[in-house]
Amino acid sequence: MAYTAKDYSKLIGMEGFSETLLKNHFTLYQGYVTNTNKVLDTLNQMLKDGKTGIPEFAELKRRLGWEFNGMRLHEYY
């Protein structure tokens, strides 16, 4: 399942938040969505290849938590 970045551009111009801050936030968010999808694709391929017992698989599972949480927290912010 691929995640798609939501469009929050309507928030630009909102009182109390600079345009620069929001654009930086959107850029970081897009990166988290992209990285979440990449990690998921790699994990799925490793699963198909039976490579679940190697350190790279374990590291990618940890990395998925970081990327996914970053994506969700940026959506909530």
Protein backbone atom coordinates (compact mmCIF):
# COMPACT_ATOMS: atom_id res chain seq x y z
CA MET A 1 0.00 0.00 0.00
CA ALA A 2 1.50 3.28 -1.10
CA TYR A 3 0.89 6.46 0.84
CA THR A 4 0.12 9.73 -0.92
CA ALA A 5 1.06 13.12 0.49
CA LYS A 6 -1.93 15.27 1.32
CA ASP A 7 -2.14 18.81 -0.03
CA TYR A 8 -1.94 21.33 2.78
CA SER A 9 -1.16 24.35 0.59
CA LYS A 10 -4.45 25.96 1.64
CA LEU A 11 -2.77 26.65 4.99
CA ILE A 12 -0.37 29.16 3.43
CA GLY A 13 -1.40 32.60 4.61
CA MET A 14 -2.80 31.32 7.89
CA GLU A 15 -2.25 33.79 10.69
CA GLY A 16 0.59 32.94 13.04
CA PHE A 17 2.59 30.78 10.61
CA SER A 18 5.06 32.18 8.11
CA GLU A 19 4.97 31.01 4.52
CA THR A 20 8.58 29.83 4.83
CA LEU A 21 7.79 27.73 7.89
CA LEU A 22 4.83 26.07 6.20
CA LYS A 23 6.71 25.38 2.96
CA ASN A 24 9.59 23.83 4.91
CA HIS A 25 7.07 21.73 6.82
CA PHE A 26 5.44 20.57 3.57
CA THR A 27 8.85 19.65 2.11
CA LEU A 28 9.77 17.57 5.15
CA TYR A 29 6.36 15.92 5.08
CA GLN A 30 6.74 15.00 1.40
CA GLY A 31 10.12 13.46 2.19
CA TYR A 32 8.66 11.33 4.97
CA VAL A 33 5.88 10.08 2.66
CA THR A 34 8.38 9.25 -0.09
CA ASN A 35 10.74 7.48 2.31
CA THR A 36 7.90 5.53 3.95
CA ASN A 37 6.89 4.20 0.53
CA LYS A 38 10.48 3.32 -0.39
CA VAL A 39 11.08 1.44 2.86
CA LEU A 40 7.79 -0.44 2.50
CA ASP A 41 8.64 -1.43 -1.07
CA THR A 42 12.07 -2.68 -0.01
CA LEU A 43 10.67 -4.61 2.96
CA ASN A 44 8.03 -6.24 0.77
CA GLN A 45 10.65 -7.31 -1.75
CA MET A 46 12.89 -8.70 0.99
CA LEU A 47 9.90 -10.59 2.40
CA LYS A 48 9.20 -12.13 -1.02
CA ASP A 49 12.88 -13.07 -1.35
CA GLY A 50 12.91 -14.71 2.08
CA LYS A 51 15.47 -12.27 3.47
CA THR A 52 13.74 -11.60 6.76
CA GLY A 53 16.52 -13.00 8.94
CA ILE A 54 19.24 -10.57 7.90
CA PRO A 55 20.30 -7.42 9.75
CA GLU A 56 19.28 -5.18 6.85
CA PHE A 57 15.66 -6.32 7.21
CA ALA A 58 15.67 -5.57 10.94
CA GLU A 59 17.19 -2.13 10.33
CA LEU A 60 14.61 -1.30 7.67
CA LYS A 61 11.81 -2.25 10.08
CA ARG A 62 13.25 0.21 12.60
CA ARG A 63 13.64 2.82 9.87
CA LEU A 64 10.01 2.33 8.86
CA GLY A 65 8.93 3.42 12.34
CA TRP A 66 10.92 6.63 12.02
CA GLU A 67 9.64 7.49 8.55
CA PHE A 68 6.02 6.52 9.22
CA ASN A 69 5.90 8.42 12.51
CA GLY A 70 7.45 11.46 10.84
CA MET A 71 4.80 11.30 8.14
CA ARG A 72 1.90 10.99 10.59
CA LEU A 73 3.20 13.63 13.01
CA HIS A 74 3.60 16.11 10.17
CA GLU A 75 0.00 15.43 9.16
CA TYR A 76 -1.21 16.05 12.70
CA TYR A 77 0.81 19.25 13.08
